[in-house]
Structures are given as structure tokens and as C-alpha cells.
Amino acid sequence: MTKHCCTLMHCDTMVRNLLPPMRAEMVFRLVQKQGLSQSDAAKKLGVTRAAVSQYMSRKRGAGEVEISSELDLMIDRWALAVVTGESDINLCDVCQCAKQKTPF
């Protein structure tokens, strides 16, 4: 097991507070920048088209989170991973990146 300097409480807070706005931004980029239809984005993410629509309108994933330039790049990598089906990022990468700039 990999040793990390975080706790379950850090991960829980990150999953509840940081990932939803990041996911909303990632979905926005899939549709607006990558050119996926909302239906295609929904299929790739395993959610409904209505969920994608809610992310796009920020009814889901709305939050007051400042996204650092490092997290911005992580969101781009995440969107690309959804499009290509190949990912080299995991939750710990996002958490470590967020802990550098975001006190949570």
C-alpha cells in the first residue's frame, strides 16, 4: 500500500467539495472544447444526458472553488482521458495537486 501524507478526512472533504466543481468544468470542456455532444459525453462518463446538461448549466457541481493553474491542467488531462479512454491520473494525484494550493 502506498503511503500518503493525507487522511481519509482530507480525501472525504476533497471528494465532496472539490471534485464536483472540477467535474462540472471537465464536462463543460468535453462539450465546448473537445466538441462532444452532450449525449456522447454522457455515454463516455456513464451518466445521463440530463446530468451532463445539469453540469453544463452548473446546476450540478456548482461551488466556490478557486481552481489553480495546476488543477486547471489536471482538468484538461481528465477531459482528454475521457475522450481517449486512456488515463494516467488518479484521485491521489488530484488530491496532492489540490493540497498544494487549496486549503481543504
N, C-alpha and C. Protein backbone atom coordinates (compact mmCIF):
# COMPACT_ATOMS: atom_id res chain seq x y z
N MET A 1 0.84 -1.18 0.00
CA MET A 1 0.00 0.00 0.00
C MET A 1 0.89 1.25 0.00
N THR A 2 0.55 2.22 -0.84
CA THR A 2 1.34 3.44 -0.93
C THR A 2 1.06 4.33 0.27
N LYS A 3 2.10 4.87 0.85
CA LYS A 3 1.94 5.75 1.99
C LYS A 3 1.79 7.19 1.51
N HIS A 4 0.72 7.82 1.93
CA HIS A 4 0.45 9.21 1.59
C HIS A 4 0.37 10.01 2.89
N CYS A 5 0.64 11.27 2.78
CA CYS A 5 0.63 12.11 3.98
C CYS A 5 -0.74 12.78 4.15
N CYS A 6 -1.78 12.11 3.70
CA CYS A 6 -3.12 12.65 3.89
C CYS A 6 -3.94 11.65 4.69
N THR A 7 -5.13 12.06 5.05
CA THR A 7 -6.00 11.21 5.83
C THR A 7 -7.30 11.00 5.07
N LEU A 8 -8.08 10.06 5.55
CA LEU A 8 -9.39 9.81 4.97
C LEU A 8 -10.25 11.08 5.02
N MET A 9 -10.09 11.87 6.05
CA MET A 9 -10.86 13.11 6.17
C MET A 9 -10.50 14.09 5.06
N HIS A 10 -9.20 14.16 4.70
CA HIS A 10 -8.80 15.00 3.57
C HIS A 10 -9.47 14.53 2.29
N CYS A 11 -9.42 13.21 2.06
CA CYS A 11 -10.00 12.65 0.84
C CYS A 11 -11.50 12.89 0.81
N ASP A 12 -12.16 12.67 1.93
CA ASP A 12 -13.60 12.87 2.00
C ASP A 12 -13.98 14.32 1.69
N THR A 13 -13.25 15.25 2.27
CA THR A 13 -13.51 16.67 2.01
C THR A 13 -13.26 17.00 0.55
N MET A 14 -12.19 16.46 -0.01
CA MET A 14 -11.89 16.73 -1.41
C MET A 14 -12.97 16.18 -2.33
N VAL A 15 -13.42 14.97 -2.06
CA VAL A 15 -14.43 14.34 -2.91
C VAL A 15 -15.75 15.12 -2.83
N ARG A 16 -16.09 15.61 -1.67
CA ARG A 16 -17.36 16.35 -1.53
C ARG A 16 -17.27 17.78 -2.04
N ASN A 17 -16.15 18.46 -1.81
CA ASN A 17 -16.07 19.89 -2.09
C ASN A 17 -15.33 20.28 -3.37
N LEU A 18 -14.34 19.50 -3.75
CA LEU A 18 -13.51 19.89 -4.88
C LEU A 18 -13.87 19.15 -6.17
N LEU A 19 -14.13 17.86 -6.08
CA LEU A 19 -14.39 17.10 -7.30
C LEU A 19 -15.65 17.54 -8.05
N PRO A 20 -16.76 17.84 -7.38
CA PRO A 20 -17.95 18.25 -8.15
C PRO A 20 -17.72 19.48 -9.05
N PRO A 21 -17.11 20.57 -8.55
CA PRO A 21 -16.84 21.69 -9.46
C PRO A 21 -15.82 21.34 -10.55
N MET A 22 -14.85 20.50 -10.21
CA MET A 22 -13.88 20.06 -11.22
C MET A 22 -14.57 19.23 -12.29
N ARG A 23 -15.47 18.36 -11.87
CA ARG A 23 -16.20 17.52 -12.83
C ARG A 23 -17.07 18.39 -13.73
N ALA A 24 -17.75 19.38 -13.15
CA ALA A 24 -18.58 20.28 -13.96
C ALA A 24 -17.73 20.99 -15.00
N GLU A 25 -16.56 21.45 -14.60
CA GLU A 25 -15.67 22.12 -15.54
C GLU A 25 -15.16 21.15 -16.60
N MET A 26 -14.85 19.93 -16.19
CA MET A 26 -14.38 18.92 -17.15
C MET A 26 -15.47 18.61 -18.18
N VAL A 27 -16.71 18.47 -17.73
CA VAL A 27 -17.82 18.20 -18.65
C VAL A 27 -18.00 19.38 -19.61
N PHE A 28 -17.90 20.59 -19.10
CA PHE A 28 -18.00 21.79 -19.94
C PHE A 28 -16.93 21.74 -21.04
N ARG A 29 -15.72 21.37 -20.67
CA ARG A 29 -14.62 21.30 -21.65
C ARG A 29 -14.84 20.18 -22.66
N LEU A 30 -15.40 19.06 -22.22
CA LEU A 30 -15.69 17.97 -23.16
C LEU A 30 -16.63 18.45 -24.26
N VAL A 31 -17.65 19.19 -23.86
CA VAL A 31 -18.66 19.63 -24.82
C VAL A 31 -18.18 20.85 -25.60
N GLN A 32 -17.65 21.85 -24.92
CA GLN A 32 -17.30 23.11 -25.57
C GLN A 32 -15.96 23.07 -26.30
N LYS A 33 -14.97 22.45 -25.71
CA LYS A 33 -13.63 22.47 -26.31
C LYS A 33 -13.32 21.21 -27.12
N GLN A 34 -13.77 20.06 -26.64
CA GLN A 34 -13.50 18.80 -27.34
C GLN A 34 -14.55 18.51 -28.41
N GLY A 35 -15.67 19.23 -28.36
CA GLY A 35 -16.71 19.09 -29.38
C GLY A 35 -17.61 17.88 -29.24
N LEU A 36 -17.62 17.23 -28.08
CA LEU A 36 -18.52 16.11 -27.88
C LEU A 36 -19.94 16.63 -27.72
N SER A 37 -20.89 15.86 -28.20
CA SER A 37 -22.29 16.19 -27.93
C SER A 37 -22.56 15.85 -26.47
N GLN A 38 -23.62 16.39 -25.92
CA GLN A 38 -23.96 16.06 -24.54
C GLN A 38 -24.26 14.57 -24.41
N SER A 39 -24.88 13.99 -25.42
CA SER A 39 -25.18 12.55 -25.40
C SER A 39 -23.90 11.72 -25.40
N ASP A 40 -22.94 12.10 -26.25
CA ASP A 40 -21.66 11.37 -26.29
C ASP A 40 -20.90 11.52 -24.98
N ALA A 41 -20.90 12.72 -24.43
CA ALA A 41 -20.22 12.93 -23.14
C ALA A 41 -20.88 12.07 -22.06
N ALA A 42 -22.20 12.02 -22.07
CA ALA A 42 -22.92 11.22 -21.08
C ALA A 42 -22.54 9.75 -21.20
N LYS A 43 -22.48 9.24 -22.43
CA LYS A 43 -22.12 7.83 -22.64
C LYS A 43 -20.71 7.55 -22.13
N LYS A 44 -19.77 8.43 -22.45
CA LYS A 44 -18.38 8.22 -22.03
C LYS A 44 -18.24 8.26 -20.51
N LEU A 45 -19.06 9.09 -19.85
CA LEU A 45 -18.97 9.25 -18.40
C LEU A 45 -19.87 8.28 -17.64
N GLY A 46 -20.77 7.60 -18.35
CA GLY A 46 -21.68 6.68 -17.68
C GLY A 46 -22.75 7.39 -16.87
N VAL A 47 -23.17 8.55 -17.34
CA VAL A 47 -24.23 9.32 -16.69
C VAL A 47 -25.31 9.62 -17.73
N THR A 48 -26.41 10.18 -17.29
CA THR A 48 -27.47 10.54 -18.22
C THR A 48 -27.14 11.84 -18.94
N ARG A 49 -27.81 12.06 -20.07
CA ARG A 49 -27.63 13.30 -20.79
C ARG A 49 -28.15 14.46 -19.94
N ALA A 50 -29.19 14.19 -19.14
CA ALA A 50 -29.71 15.22 -18.23
C ALA A 50 -28.64 15.64 -17.21
N ALA A 51 -27.86 14.68 -16.73
CA ALA A 51 -26.79 15.01 -15.79
C ALA A 51 -25.76 15.91 -16.45
N VAL A 52 -25.41 15.59 -17.70
CA VAL A 52 -24.45 16.44 -18.44
C VAL A 52 -25.03 17.83 -18.61
N SER A 53 -26.30 17.92 -18.95
CA SER A 53 -26.95 19.22 -19.10
C SER A 53 -26.89 20.01 -17.79
N GLN A 54 -27.10 19.32 -16.67
CA GLN A 54 -27.03 19.99 -15.37
C GLN A 54 -25.61 20.45 -15.04
N TYR A 55 -24.61 19.66 -15.42
CA TYR A 55 -23.22 20.10 -15.23
C TYR A 55 -22.95 21.34 -16.09
N MET A 56 -23.44 21.31 -17.32
CA MET A 56 -23.22 22.44 -18.23
C MET A 56 -23.84 23.73 -17.71
N SER A 57 -25.01 23.62 -17.11
CA SER A 57 -25.70 24.81 -16.58
C SER A 57 -25.29 25.12 -15.15
N ARG A 58 -24.38 24.32 -14.60
CA ARG A 58 -23.86 24.46 -13.24
C ARG A 58 -24.94 24.25 -12.17
N LYS A 59 -26.01 23.51 -12.53
CA LYS A 59 -26.97 23.08 -11.51
C LYS A 59 -26.37 21.96 -10.68
N ARG A 60 -25.43 21.23 -11.28
CA ARG A 60 -24.63 20.23 -10.58
C ARG A 60 -23.20 20.74 -10.58
N GLY A 61 -22.53 20.48 -9.49
CA GLY A 61 -21.11 20.82 -9.44
C GLY A 61 -20.81 22.27 -9.19
N ALA A 62 -21.84 23.04 -8.85
CA ALA A 62 -21.59 24.45 -8.55
C ALA A 62 -20.87 24.53 -7.21
N GLY A 63 -19.92 25.38 -7.14
CA GLY A 63 -19.20 25.54 -5.89
C GLY A 63 -18.22 26.68 -5.97
N GLU A 64 -17.92 27.21 -4.84
CA GLU A 64 -16.96 28.31 -4.75
C GLU A 64 -15.57 27.75 -4.54
N VAL A 65 -14.98 27.23 -5.60
CA VAL A 65 -13.65 26.66 -5.52
C VAL A 65 -12.76 27.39 -6.50
N GLU A 66 -11.64 27.86 -5.98
CA GLU A 66 -10.65 28.50 -6.85
C GLU A 66 -9.79 27.40 -7.46
N ILE A 67 -9.78 27.37 -8.78
CA ILE A 67 -9.02 26.34 -9.48
C ILE A 67 -7.66 26.91 -9.87
N SER A 68 -6.62 26.35 -9.28
CA SER A 68 -5.26 26.81 -9.57
C SER A 68 -4.87 26.41 -10.98
N SER A 69 -3.77 26.95 -11.45
CA SER A 69 -3.30 26.59 -12.79
C SER A 69 -2.95 25.11 -12.86
N GLU A 70 -2.46 24.54 -11.75
CA GLU A 70 -2.14 23.12 -11.72
C GLU A 70 -3.40 22.27 -11.83
N LEU A 71 -4.46 22.67 -11.10
CA LEU A 71 -5.73 21.94 -11.19
C LEU A 71 -6.36 22.14 -12.57
N ASP A 72 -6.17 23.31 -13.14
CA ASP A 72 -6.68 23.58 -14.49
C ASP A 72 -6.07 22.59 -15.49
N LEU A 73 -4.78 22.37 -15.38
CA LEU A 73 -4.11 21.39 -16.25
C LEU A 73 -4.61 19.98 -15.97
N MET A 74 -4.87 19.69 -14.70
CA MET A 74 -5.39 18.37 -14.33
C MET A 74 -6.77 18.16 -14.96
N ILE A 75 -7.59 19.18 -14.99
CA ILE A 75 -8.92 19.08 -15.61
C ILE A 75 -8.78 18.83 -17.11
N ASP A 76 -7.84 19.51 -17.75
CA ASP A 76 -7.59 19.26 -19.18
C ASP A 76 -7.17 17.81 -19.41
N ARG A 77 -6.28 17.30 -18.55
CA ARG A 77 -5.84 15.90 -18.67
C ARG A 77 -7.01 14.94 -18.47
N TRP A 78 -7.89 15.28 -17.54
CA TRP A 78 -9.06 14.47 -17.24
C TRP A 78 -9.98 14.42 -18.46
N ALA A 79 -10.24 15.57 -19.05
CA ALA A 79 -11.11 15.63 -20.24
C ALA A 79 -10.49 14.82 -21.38
N LEU A 80 -9.21 14.95 -21.58
CA LEU A 80 -8.53 14.19 -22.64
C LEU A 80 -8.62 12.69 -22.36
N ALA A 81 -8.49 12.31 -21.10
CA ALA A 81 -8.60 10.90 -20.73
C ALA A 81 -9.99 10.36 -21.03
N VAL A 82 -11.01 11.17 -20.82
CA VAL A 82 -12.38 10.73 -21.13
C VAL A 82 -12.52 10.52 -22.64
N VAL A 83 -11.98 11.45 -23.43
CA VAL A 83 -12.09 11.36 -24.89
C VAL A 83 -11.32 10.16 -25.42
N THR A 84 -10.09 9.95 -24.94
CA THR A 84 -9.23 8.90 -25.49
C THR A 84 -9.42 7.54 -24.82
N GLY A 85 -9.97 7.55 -23.61
CA GLY A 85 -10.11 6.31 -22.86
C GLY A 85 -8.82 5.89 -22.18
N GLU A 86 -7.80 6.74 -22.23
CA GLU A 86 -6.52 6.43 -21.60
C GLU A 86 -6.23 7.47 -20.53
N SER A 87 -6.02 7.00 -19.32
CA SER A 87 -5.80 7.92 -18.21
C SER A 87 -4.54 7.58 -17.46
N ASP A 88 -3.84 8.61 -17.05
CA ASP A 88 -2.66 8.42 -16.21
C ASP A 88 -2.81 9.20 -14.91
N ILE A 89 -4.03 9.61 -14.59
CA ILE A 89 -4.26 10.34 -13.34
C ILE A 89 -5.15 9.52 -12.42
N ASN A 90 -4.96 9.74 -11.14
CA ASN A 90 -5.82 9.07 -10.16
C ASN A 90 -6.22 10.08 -9.09
N LEU A 91 -7.06 9.65 -8.19
CA LEU A 91 -7.59 10.54 -7.17
C LEU A 91 -6.48 11.12 -6.30
N CYS A 92 -5.47 10.34 -6.02
CA CYS A 92 -4.36 10.84 -5.19
C CYS A 92 -3.61 11.97 -5.90
N ASP A 93 -3.47 11.87 -7.23
CA ASP A 93 -2.82 12.95 -8.00
C ASP A 93 -3.60 14.25 -7.85
N VAL A 94 -4.92 14.15 -7.98
CA VAL A 94 -5.77 15.34 -7.86
C VAL A 94 -5.66 15.90 -6.45
N CYS A 95 -5.72 15.04 -5.47
CA CYS A 95 -5.64 15.47 -4.07
C CYS A 95 -4.32 16.16 -3.78
N GLN A 96 -3.22 15.55 -4.19
CA GLN A 96 -1.91 16.15 -3.94
C GLN A 96 -1.78 17.50 -4.63
N CYS A 97 -2.28 17.59 -5.84
CA CYS A 97 -2.26 18.86 -6.58
C CYS A 97 -3.10 19.91 -5.84
N ALA A 98 -4.27 19.51 -5.38
CA ALA A 98 -5.16 20.45 -4.69
C ALA A 98 -4.59 20.89 -3.35
N LYS A 99 -3.94 19.98 -2.64
CA LYS A 99 -3.40 20.33 -1.32
C LYS A 99 -2.31 21.38 -1.42
N GLN A 100 -1.65 21.47 -2.56
CA GLN A 100 -0.60 22.47 -2.73
C GLN A 100 -1.16 23.89 -2.74
N LYS A 101 -2.36 24.06 -3.26
CA LYS A 101 -2.90 25.41 -3.45
C LYS A 101 -4.20 25.67 -2.72
N THR A 102 -4.95 24.62 -2.38
CA THR A 102 -6.29 24.81 -1.83
C THR A 102 -6.33 24.27 -0.41
N PRO A 103 -6.61 25.13 0.57
CA PRO A 103 -6.74 24.63 1.94
C PRO A 103 -8.12 23.99 2.12
N PHE A 104 -8.14 22.67 2.27
CA PHE A 104 -9.41 22.00 2.50
C PHE A 104 -9.29 20.94 3.57
